[in-house]
Amino acid sequence: MGKTLVRDLMTKKSLLVIDERASLAAAAHRLAWQDCRHLPVTKGGAVVGVLSEGDLLRWRAQGRSLDGPDDLVSAAMTSPAIVATPDEELSEAAARMIASRIGCLPVVVHGKLVGMLTSTDVLGHEVARKLEPSSAGGPRAEDVMTKNVLTASPEDPLLEAADMMAWKGARHLPVVDEQGRLVGIVSERDMRTALGVPAQALEHWASALGRDRTVGEVMTRPVECAVPEQSLAQVISIMVLRNVGALPVVDVERRPIGIISYLDILRAVRP
């Protein structure tokens, strides 16, 4: 069997990009309305960076606006872009995703965008190749999870939680009650939406929109979660079925002891 190449899995149609001179407000709108997490950034048609939900969260956590004259995509994007080429082996591209802790790679030819490869694309391929849903004796949630997980309480100020997520590089933040039990979860997307993607909310972001809101107001509940002894195949099935990017792993008292993301799974199933 031949090796799998990036071109075999990459998305080729309806590719979204944004110019580096565009406002961050325009980028935020595009991410929200097109329901995507990453935007390749171009200059003269060439890919020069990537703007992600995490980049926007870090920008907002610093108290910056999105529609000022200096609030441009070029100021917040991750650059240079970490990219792939269509003819490289998928395993090499996946390794680059894991090492850089990123969820997508623009696929380029001579600097021009020809496709997008996401962690979900790679995960689906790896799982289909290596794991059977009914397999026994394989890796379990506790073998794969990231330990020492960051948490917040429902009463925490939203901007403080956003700041913690941005600077710790966390994409998901489990929310716990006074007894440390899981009651919700906040994602980068929840934060971005709550902090005012709509243009009419931007002018209020630094005041009531951000300052007076709490984590409990925006968290997702009830929360899909896993237990330590659950099989990795079951964890993947839940993530795919529920369309979630991470699952908290909880003990018998429903206290978070870890979290599993797509990148954790990719790391586990790669040779």
C-alpha atoms as a PDB file:
ATOM      1  CA  MET A   1       0.000   0.000   0.000  1.00  0.00           C
ATOM      2  CA  GLY A   2       1.423   3.378  -0.984  1.00  0.00           C
ATOM      3  CA  LYS A   3       2.030   6.173   1.457  1.00  0.00           C
ATOM      4  CA  THR A   4      -0.755   8.685   2.054  1.00  0.00           C
ATOM      5  CA  LEU A   5       0.027  12.156   0.743  1.00  0.00           C
ATOM      6  CA  VAL A   6      -1.347  15.504   1.856  1.00  0.00           C
ATOM      7  CA  ARG A   7      -3.207  15.868  -1.439  1.00  0.00           C
ATOM      8  CA  ASP A   8      -5.209  12.732  -0.630  1.00  0.00           C
ATOM      9  CA  LEU A   9      -6.932  14.359   2.374  1.00  0.00           C
ATOM     10  CA  MET A  10      -6.714  18.119   1.934  1.00  0.00           C
ATOM     11  CA  THR A  11      -9.793  20.249   1.294  1.00  0.00           C
ATOM     12  CA  LYS A  12      -9.585  21.831  -2.138  1.00  0.00           C
ATOM     13  CA  LYS A  13     -12.910  23.622  -2.562  1.00  0.00           C
ATOM     14  CA  SER A  14     -14.393  26.768  -0.991  1.00  0.00           C
ATOM     15  CA  LEU A  15     -11.077  27.853   0.484  1.00  0.00           C
ATOM     16  CA  LEU A  16     -11.371  30.966   2.630  1.00  0.00           C
ATOM     17  CA  VAL A  17      -8.558  33.517   2.893  1.00  0.00           C
ATOM     18  CA  ILE A  18      -8.174  37.060   4.157  1.00  0.00           C
ATOM     19  CA  ASP A  19      -5.790  39.823   3.141  1.00  0.00           C
ATOM     20  CA  GLU A  20      -3.239  40.952   5.708  1.00  0.00           C
ATOM     21  CA  ARG A  21      -4.543  44.546   5.391  1.00  0.00           C
ATOM     22  CA  ALA A  22      -8.091  43.598   6.416  1.00  0.00           C
ATOM     23  CA  SER A  23      -9.415  44.643   9.811  1.00  0.00           C
ATOM     24  CA  LEU A  24      -9.589  42.125  12.624  1.00  0.00           C
ATOM     25  CA  ALA A  25     -13.301  42.881  12.836  1.00  0.00           C
ATOM     26  CA  ALA A  26     -13.731  41.633   9.266  1.00  0.00           C
ATOM     27  CA  ALA A  27     -11.682  38.534  10.064  1.00  0.00           C
ATOM     28  CA  ALA A  28     -13.740  37.832  13.179  1.00  0.00           C
ATOM     29  CA  HIS A  29     -16.932  38.085  11.144  1.00  0.00           C
ATOM     30  CA  ARG A  30     -15.591  35.694   8.541  1.00  0.00           C
ATOM     31  CA  LEU A  31     -14.551  33.140  11.153  1.00  0.00           C
ATOM     32  CA  ALA A  32     -17.942  33.376  12.837  1.00  0.00           C
ATOM     33  CA  TRP A  33     -20.227  33.324   9.835  1.00  0.00           C
ATOM     34  CA  GLN A  34     -18.291  30.674   7.915  1.00  0.00           C
ATOM     35  CA  ASP A  35     -17.944  28.524  11.062  1.00  0.00           C
ATOM     36  CA  CYS A  36     -14.205  27.990  10.690  1.00  0.00           C
ATOM     37  CA  ARG A  37     -11.299  28.207  13.123  1.00  0.00           C
ATOM     38  CA  HIS A  38      -8.395  29.309  10.908  1.00  0.00           C
ATOM     39  CA  LEU A  39      -7.942  31.760   8.043  1.00  0.00           C
ATOM     40  CA  PRO A  40      -4.874  31.720   5.783  1.00  0.00           C
ATOM     41  CA  VAL A  41      -3.612  35.284   5.405  1.00  0.00           C
ATOM     42  CA  THR A  42      -2.415  36.460   2.013  1.00  0.00           C
ATOM     43  CA  LYS A  43      -0.314  39.267   0.603  1.00  0.00           C
ATOM     44  CA  GLY A  44      -0.377  39.672  -3.145  1.00  0.00           C
ATOM     45  CA  GLY A  45      -1.954  36.236  -3.416  1.00  0.00           C
ATOM     46  CA  ALA A  46       0.783  34.473  -1.442  1.00  0.00           C
ATOM     47  CA  VAL A  47       0.190  32.908   1.983  1.00  0.00           C
ATOM     48  CA  VAL A  48       2.110  34.895   4.603  1.00  0.00           C
ATOM     49  CA  GLY A  49       0.416  33.810   7.830  1.00  0.00           C
ATOM     50  CA  VAL A  50      -2.584  32.229   9.535  1.00  0.00           C
ATOM     51  CA  LEU A  51      -5.141  33.919  11.765  1.00  0.00           C
ATOM     52  CA  SER A  52      -6.822  31.577  14.250  1.00  0.00           C
ATOM     53  CA  GLU A  53      -9.419  31.881  16.979  1.00  0.00           C
ATOM     54  CA  GLY A  54      -6.521  31.666  19.430  1.00  0.00           C
ATOM     55  CA  ASP A  55      -4.806  34.659  17.813  1.00  0.00           C
ATOM     56  CA  LEU A  56      -7.984  36.708  18.189  1.00  0.00           C
ATOM     57  CA  LEU A  57      -8.372  35.586  21.792  1.00  0.00           C
ATOM     58  CA  ARG A  58      -4.824  36.663  22.647  1.00  0.00           C
ATOM     59  CA  TRP A  59      -5.460  40.028  20.974  1.00  0.00           C
ATOM     60  CA  ARG A  60      -8.641  40.607  22.957  1.00  0.00           C
ATOM     61  CA  ALA A  61      -7.114  39.395  26.210  1.00  0.00           C
ATOM     62  CA  GLN A  62      -4.767  42.386  25.956  1.00  0.00           C
ATOM     63  CA  GLY A  63      -7.758  44.721  25.977  1.00  0.00           C
ATOM     64  CA  ARG A  64      -7.407  45.676  22.318  1.00  0.00           C
ATOM     65  CA  SER A  65     -10.278  46.457  19.968  1.00  0.00           C
ATOM     66  CA  LEU A  66     -10.892  44.902  16.571  1.00  0.00           C
ATOM     67  CA  ASP A  67     -11.875  47.838  14.387  1.00  0.00           C
ATOM     68  CA  GLY A  68      -9.288  50.546  15.074  1.00  0.00           C
ATOM     69  CA  PRO A  69      -6.977  51.845  12.335  1.00  0.00           C
ATOM     70  CA  ASP A  70      -4.125  49.680  13.626  1.00  0.00           C
ATOM     71  CA  ASP A  71      -6.212  46.582  14.394  1.00  0.00           C
ATOM     72  CA  LEU A  72      -5.240  44.732  11.235  1.00  0.00           C
ATOM     73  CA  VAL A  73      -4.908  41.046  10.487  1.00  0.00           C
ATOM     74  CA  SER A  74      -1.166  41.486   9.948  1.00  0.00           C
ATOM     75  CA  ALA A  75      -0.741  42.625  13.554  1.00  0.00           C
ATOM     76  CA  ALA A  76      -2.390  39.571  15.143  1.00  0.00           C
ATOM     77  CA  MET A  77      -1.703  36.718  12.740  1.00  0.00           C
ATOM     78  CA  THR A  78       0.818  33.942  13.301  1.00  0.00           C
ATOM     79  CA  SER A  79       3.620  34.446  10.804  1.00  0.00           C
ATOM     80  CA  PRO A  80       5.354  32.972   8.944  1.00  0.00           C
ATOM     81  CA  ALA A  81       2.666  30.392   8.228  1.00  0.00           C
ATOM     82  CA  ILE A  82       3.492  26.767   8.915  1.00  0.00           C
ATOM     83  CA  VAL A  83       2.443  25.082   5.669  1.00  0.00           C
ATOM     84  CA  ALA A  84       2.376  21.796   3.804  1.00  0.00           C
ATOM     85  CA  THR A  85       2.789  20.852   0.173  1.00  0.00           C
ATOM     86  CA  PRO A  86       0.442  18.512  -1.713  1.00  0.00           C
ATOM     87  CA  ASP A  87       3.051  15.864  -2.439  1.00  0.00           C
ATOM     88  CA  GLU A  88       4.586  15.476   1.006  1.00  0.00           C
ATOM     89  CA  GLU A  89       3.704  12.494   3.154  1.00  0.00           C
ATOM     90  CA  LEU A  90       0.787  12.943   5.513  1.00  0.00           C
ATOM     91  CA  SER A  91       2.868  11.658   8.438  1.00  0.00           C
ATOM     92  CA  GLU A  92       5.309  14.551   8.016  1.00  0.00           C
ATOM     93  CA  ALA A  93       2.520  17.135   7.956  1.00  0.00           C
ATOM     94  CA  ALA A  94       0.868  15.549  11.015  1.00  0.00           C
ATOM     95  CA  ALA A  95       4.152  15.643  12.906  1.00  0.00           C
ATOM     96  CA  ARG A  96       4.454  19.356  12.138  1.00  0.00           C
ATOM     97  CA  MET A  97       0.925  19.991  13.459  1.00  0.00           C
ATOM     98  CA  ILE A  98       1.688  18.163  16.687  1.00  0.00           C
ATOM     99  CA  ALA A  99       5.058  19.833  17.240  1.00  0.00           C
ATOM    100  CA  SER A 100       3.594  23.302  16.680  1.00  0.00           C
ATOM    101  CA  ARG A 101       0.280  22.567  18.463  1.00  0.00           C
ATOM    102  CA  ILE A 102      -1.756  23.913  15.570  1.00  0.00           C
ATOM    103  CA  GLY A 103      -5.015  22.640  14.120  1.00  0.00           C
ATOM    104  CA  CYS A 104      -4.464  23.267  10.421  1.00  0.00           C
ATOM    105  CA  LEU A 105      -1.879  23.624   7.686  1.00  0.00           C
ATOM    106  CA  PRO A 106      -2.407  25.711   4.547  1.00  0.00           C
ATOM    107  CA  VAL A 107      -1.317  23.633   1.569  1.00  0.00           C
ATOM    108  CA  VAL A 108       0.683  25.711  -0.886  1.00  0.00           C
ATOM    109  CA  VAL A 109       2.399  25.475  -4.244  1.00  0.00           C
ATOM    110  CA  HIS A 110       4.915  28.239  -4.939  1.00  0.00           C
ATOM    111  CA  GLY A 111       3.393  30.197  -2.062  1.00  0.00           C
ATOM    112  CA  LYS A 112      -0.172  30.038  -3.428  1.00  0.00           C
ATOM    113  CA  LEU A 113      -2.946  28.341  -1.473  1.00  0.00           C
ATOM    114  CA  VAL A 114      -4.244  25.145  -3.097  1.00  0.00           C
ATOM    115  CA  GLY A 115      -5.830  23.402  -0.109  1.00  0.00           C
ATOM    116  CA  MET A 116      -6.252  23.134   3.660  1.00  0.00           C
ATOM    117  CA  LEU A 117      -5.331  20.205   5.893  1.00  0.00           C
ATOM    118  CA  THR A 118      -6.905  20.135   9.368  1.00  0.00           C
ATOM    119  CA  SER A 119      -6.299  18.029  12.453  1.00  0.00           C
ATOM    120  CA  THR A 120      -9.775  16.566  11.924  1.00  0.00           C
ATOM    121  CA  ASP A 121      -8.770  15.362   8.442  1.00  0.00           C
ATOM    122  CA  VAL A 122      -5.664  13.684   9.826  1.00  0.00           C
ATOM    123  CA  LEU A 123      -7.458  12.259  12.840  1.00  0.00           C
ATOM    124  CA  GLY A 124     -10.150  10.616  10.751  1.00  0.00           C
ATOM    125  CA  HIS A 125      -7.536   8.998   8.534  1.00  0.00           C
ATOM    126  CA  GLU A 126      -5.359   7.779  11.408  1.00  0.00           C
ATOM    127  CA  VAL A 127      -8.280   6.408  13.380  1.00  0.00           C
ATOM    128  CA  ALA A 128      -9.742   4.567  10.399  1.00  0.00           C
ATOM    129  CA  ARG A 129      -6.331   3.051   9.749  1.00  0.00           C
ATOM    130  CA  LYS A 130      -5.358   2.063  13.284  1.00  0.00           C
ATOM    131  CA  LEU A 131      -8.343   1.834  15.588  1.00  0.00           C
ATOM    132  CA  GLU A 132     -11.472  -0.260  15.469  1.00  0.00           C
ATOM    133  CA  PRO A 133     -14.458   1.037  17.488  1.00  0.00           C
ATOM    134  CA  SER A 134     -14.826  -2.357  19.185  1.00  0.00           C
ATOM    135  CA  SER A 135     -11.125  -2.872  19.850  1.00  0.00           C
ATOM    136  CA  ALA A 136     -10.188  -4.022  23.325  1.00  0.00           C
ATOM    137  CA  GLY A 137      -6.897  -3.657  25.110  1.00  0.00           C
ATOM    138  CA  GLY A 138      -5.981  -0.485  23.212  1.00  0.00           C
ATOM    139  CA  PRO A 139      -5.111   2.922  24.660  1.00  0.00           C
ATOM    140  CA  ARG A 140      -7.453   4.405  27.240  1.00  0.00           C
ATOM    141  CA  ALA A 141      -8.387   7.981  28.037  1.00  0.00           C
ATOM    142  CA  GLU A 142      -5.917   8.164  30.921  1.00  0.00           C
ATOM    143  CA  ASP A 143      -3.096   7.091  28.588  1.00  0.00           C
ATOM    144  CA  VAL A 144      -3.730   9.954  26.186  1.00  0.00           C
ATOM    145  CA  MET A 145      -5.047  12.862  28.268  1.00  0.00           C
ATOM    146  CA  THR A 146      -3.138  16.017  29.138  1.00  0.00           C
ATOM    147  CA  LYS A 147      -2.864  16.191  32.915  1.00  0.00           C
ATOM    148  CA  ASN A 148      -2.720  19.224  35.235  1.00  0.00           C
ATOM    149  CA  VAL A 149      -5.617  20.762  33.338  1.00  0.00           C
ATOM    150  CA  LEU A 150      -6.447  24.448  33.824  1.00  0.00           C
ATOM    151  CA  THR A 151      -9.911  25.166  35.242  1.00  0.00           C
ATOM    152  CA  ALA A 152     -12.090  28.174  36.024  1.00  0.00           C
ATOM    153  CA  SER A 153     -15.112  28.785  38.211  1.00  0.00           C
ATOM    154  CA  PRO A 154     -18.455  30.129  36.958  1.00  0.00           C
ATOM    155  CA  GLU A 155     -17.906  33.345  38.933  1.00  0.00           C
ATOM    156  CA  ASP A 156     -14.526  34.159  37.371  1.00  0.00           C
ATOM    157  CA  PRO A 157     -14.452  37.323  35.239  1.00  0.00           C
ATOM    158  CA  LEU A 158     -14.615  36.440  31.577  1.00  0.00           C
ATOM    159  CA  LEU A 159     -11.638  38.579  30.615  1.00  0.00           C
ATOM    160  CA  GLU A 160      -9.429  36.933  33.244  1.00  0.00           C
ATOM    161  CA  ALA A 161     -10.352  33.511  31.904  1.00  0.00           C
ATOM    162  CA  ALA A 162      -9.678  34.688  28.346  1.00  0.00           C
ATOM    163  CA  ASP A 163      -6.280  35.973  29.403  1.00  0.00           C
ATOM    164  CA  MET A 164      -5.414  32.666  31.078  1.00  0.00           C
ATOM    165  CA  MET A 165      -6.449  30.668  28.018  1.00  0.00           C
ATOM    166  CA  ALA A 166      -4.543  32.947  25.660  1.00  0.00           C
ATOM    167  CA  TRP A 167      -1.252  32.935  27.497  1.00  0.00           C
ATOM    168  CA  LYS A 168      -1.317  29.282  28.515  1.00  0.00           C
ATOM    169  CA  GLY A 169      -2.200  28.209  24.984  1.00  0.00           C
ATOM    170  CA  ALA A 170      -5.349  26.401  26.167  1.00  0.00           C
ATOM    171  CA  ARG A 171      -8.171  25.968  23.663  1.00  0.00           C
ATOM    172  CA  HIS A 172     -10.672  24.641  26.201  1.00  0.00           C
ATOM    173  CA  LEU A 173     -11.209  25.527  29.848  1.00  0.00           C
ATOM    174  CA  PRO A 174     -13.242  23.176  32.073  1.00  0.00           C
ATOM    175  CA  VAL A 175     -15.414  25.027  34.590  1.00  0.00           C
ATOM    176  CA  VAL A 176     -15.802  23.615  38.108  1.00  0.00           C
ATOM    177  CA  ASP A 177     -17.950  24.389  41.148  1.00  0.00           C
ATOM    178  CA  GLU A 178     -16.739  24.990  44.724  1.00  0.00           C
ATOM    179  CA  GLN A 179     -16.217  21.251  45.203  1.00  0.00           C
ATOM    180  CA  GLY A 180     -14.111  21.016  42.057  1.00  0.00           C
ATOM    181  CA  ARG A 181     -16.806  19.150  40.103  1.00  0.00           C
ATOM    182  CA  LEU A 182     -17.233  19.743  36.384  1.00  0.00           C
ATOM    183  CA  VAL A 183     -20.191  22.002  35.575  1.00  0.00           C
ATOM    184  CA  GLY A 184     -19.283  23.428  32.159  1.00  0.00           C
ATOM    185  CA  ILE A 185     -16.611  24.093  29.583  1.00  0.00           C
ATOM    186  CA  VAL A 186     -15.489  27.172  27.655  1.00  0.00           C
ATOM    187  CA  SER A 187     -13.794  26.994  24.262  1.00  0.00           C
ATOM    188  CA  GLU A 188     -11.894  29.574  22.241  1.00  0.00           C
ATOM    189  CA  ARG A 189     -14.974  29.870  20.052  1.00  0.00           C
ATOM    190  CA  ASP A 190     -17.214  30.516  23.075  1.00  0.00           C
ATOM    191  CA  MET A 191     -14.845  33.275  24.184  1.00  0.00           C
ATOM    192  CA  ARG A 192     -14.658  34.870  20.757  1.00  0.00           C
ATOM    193  CA  THR A 193     -18.417  34.870  20.386  1.00  0.00           C
ATOM    194  CA  ALA A 194     -19.037  36.166  23.902  1.00  0.00           C
ATOM    195  CA  LEU A 195     -16.542  38.995  23.597  1.00  0.00           C
ATOM    196  CA  GLY A 196     -18.353  40.612  20.737  1.00  0.00           C
ATOM    197  CA  VAL A 197     -17.897  39.403  17.209  1.00  0.00           C
ATOM    198  CA  PRO A 198     -20.907  41.405  15.966  1.00  0.00           C
ATOM    199  CA  ALA A 199     -19.789  44.861  14.870  1.00  0.00           C
ATOM    200  CA  GLN A 200     -22.359  46.658  16.997  1.00  0.00           C
ATOM    201  CA  ALA A 201     -20.865  45.113  20.123  1.00  0.00           C
ATOM    202  CA  LEU A 202     -17.249  46.053  19.468  1.00  0.00           C
ATOM    203  CA  GLU A 203     -17.467  49.550  20.883  1.00  0.00           C
ATOM    204  CA  HIS A 204     -18.720  48.126  24.186  1.00  0.00           C
ATOM    205  CA  TRP A 205     -16.230  45.284  24.450  1.00  0.00           C
ATOM    206  CA  ALA A 206     -13.793  46.981  26.808  1.00  0.00           C
ATOM    207  CA  SER A 207     -16.599  48.001  29.160  1.00  0.00           C
ATOM    208  CA  ALA A 208     -19.774  46.085  29.926  1.00  0.00           C
ATOM    209  CA  LEU A 209     -19.398  43.441  27.222  1.00  0.00           C
ATOM    210  CA  GLY A 210     -16.187  42.074  28.670  1.00  0.00           C
ATOM    211  CA  ARG A 211     -15.664  43.528  32.118  1.00  0.00           C
ATOM    212  CA  ASP A 212     -19.005  42.675  33.653  1.00  0.00           C
ATOM    213  CA  ARG A 213     -19.443  39.170  32.277  1.00  0.00           C
ATOM    214  CA  THR A 214     -18.508  35.913  33.976  1.00  0.00           C
ATOM    215  CA  VAL A 215     -17.440  32.494  32.790  1.00  0.00           C
ATOM    216  CA  GLY A 216     -20.761  31.027  33.929  1.00  0.00           C
ATOM    217  CA  GLU A 217     -22.657  33.189  31.452  1.00  0.00           C
ATOM    218  CA  VAL A 218     -20.911  31.780  28.376  1.00  0.00           C
ATOM    219  CA  MET A 219     -19.866  28.252  29.297  1.00  0.00           C
ATOM    220  CA  THR A 220     -21.357  25.242  27.513  1.00  0.00           C
ATOM    221  CA  ARG A 221     -23.418  22.847  29.606  1.00  0.00           C
ATOM    222  CA  PRO A 222     -24.103  20.024  30.057  1.00  0.00           C
ATOM    223  CA  VAL A 223     -20.569  18.843  29.305  1.00  0.00           C
ATOM    224  CA  GLU A 224     -19.544  15.789  27.352  1.00  0.00           C
ATOM    225  CA  CYS A 225     -16.761  14.079  29.280  1.00  0.00           C
ATOM    226  CA  ALA A 226     -14.779  10.843  29.536  1.00  0.00           C
ATOM    227  CA  VAL A 227     -13.593   8.640  32.383  1.00  0.00           C
ATOM    228  CA  PRO A 228      -9.994   7.413  32.779  1.00  0.00           C
ATOM    229  CA  GLU A 229     -10.669   3.788  31.837  1.00  0.00           C
ATOM    230  CA  GLN A 230     -12.696   4.640  28.712  1.00  0.00           C
ATOM    231  CA  SER A 231     -11.199   3.372  25.460  1.00  0.00           C
ATOM    232  CA  LEU A 232      -9.668   5.842  23.054  1.00  0.00           C
ATOM    233  CA  ALA A 233     -11.990   4.544  20.325  1.00  0.00           C
ATOM    234  CA  GLN A 234     -14.997   5.473  22.478  1.00  0.00           C
ATOM    235  CA  VAL A 235     -13.548   8.915  23.187  1.00  0.00           C
ATOM    236  CA  ILE A 236     -13.086   9.538  19.470  1.00  0.00           C
ATOM    237  CA  SER A 237     -16.631   8.397  18.735  1.00  0.00           C
ATOM    238  CA  ILE A 238     -18.007  10.911  21.256  1.00  0.00           C
ATOM    239  CA  MET A 239     -15.909  13.747  19.866  1.00  0.00           C
ATOM    240  CA  VAL A 240     -16.979  13.050  16.297  1.00  0.00           C
ATOM    241  CA  LEU A 241     -20.643  12.477  17.149  1.00  0.00           C
ATOM    242  CA  ARG A 242     -20.907  15.605  19.317  1.00  0.00           C
ATOM    243  CA  ASN A 243     -18.580  17.700  17.138  1.00  0.00           C
ATOM    244  CA  VAL A 244     -16.424  18.795  20.065  1.00  0.00           C
ATOM    245  CA  GLY A 245     -12.715  19.554  19.987  1.00  0.00           C
ATOM    246  CA  ALA A 246     -11.881  18.268  23.460  1.00  0.00           C
ATOM    247  CA  LEU A 247     -13.254  16.097  26.254  1.00  0.00           C
ATOM    248  CA  PRO A 248     -12.524  16.626  29.958  1.00  0.00           C
ATOM    249  CA  VAL A 249     -11.601  13.413  31.772  1.00  0.00           C
ATOM    250  CA  VAL A 250     -13.212  13.194  35.216  1.00  0.00           C
ATOM    251  CA  ASP A 251     -12.932  10.983  38.309  1.00  0.00           C
ATOM    252  CA  VAL A 252     -15.818   9.306  40.130  1.00  0.00           C
ATOM    253  CA  GLU A 253     -16.679  12.619  41.810  1.00  0.00           C
ATOM    254  CA  ARG A 254     -16.789  14.327  38.408  1.00  0.00           C
ATOM    255  CA  ARG A 255     -13.646  16.322  39.133  1.00  0.00           C
ATOM    256  CA  PRO A 256     -11.468  17.030  36.068  1.00  0.00           C
ATOM    257  CA  ILE A 257      -8.184  15.128  36.145  1.00  0.00           C
ATOM    258  CA  GLY A 258      -7.233  15.731  32.520  1.00  0.00           C
ATOM    259  CA  ILE A 259      -8.415  16.757  29.078  1.00  0.00           C
ATOM    260  CA  ILE A 260      -8.161  15.099  25.652  1.00  0.00           C
ATOM    261  CA  SER A 261      -7.916  17.137  22.452  1.00  0.00           C
ATOM    262  CA  TYR A 262      -7.592  16.140  18.813  1.00  0.00           C
ATOM    263  CA  LEU A 263      -3.856  16.805  19.043  1.00  0.00           C
ATOM    264  CA  ASP A 264      -3.526  14.459  22.034  1.00  0.00           C
ATOM    265  CA  ILE A 265      -5.213  11.724  19.993  1.00  0.00           C
ATOM    266  CA  LEU A 266      -3.045  12.333  16.949  1.00  0.00           C
ATOM    267  CA  ARG A 267       0.030  12.083  19.141  1.00  0.00           C
ATOM    268  CA  ALA A 268      -1.234   8.782  20.532  1.00  0.00           C
ATOM    269  CA  VAL A 269      -2.115   7.075  17.261  1.00  0.00           C
ATOM    270  CA  ARG A 270       0.940   8.113  15.279  1.00  0.00           C
ATOM    271  CA  PRO A 271       3.813   5.597  15.150  1.00  0.00           C
END
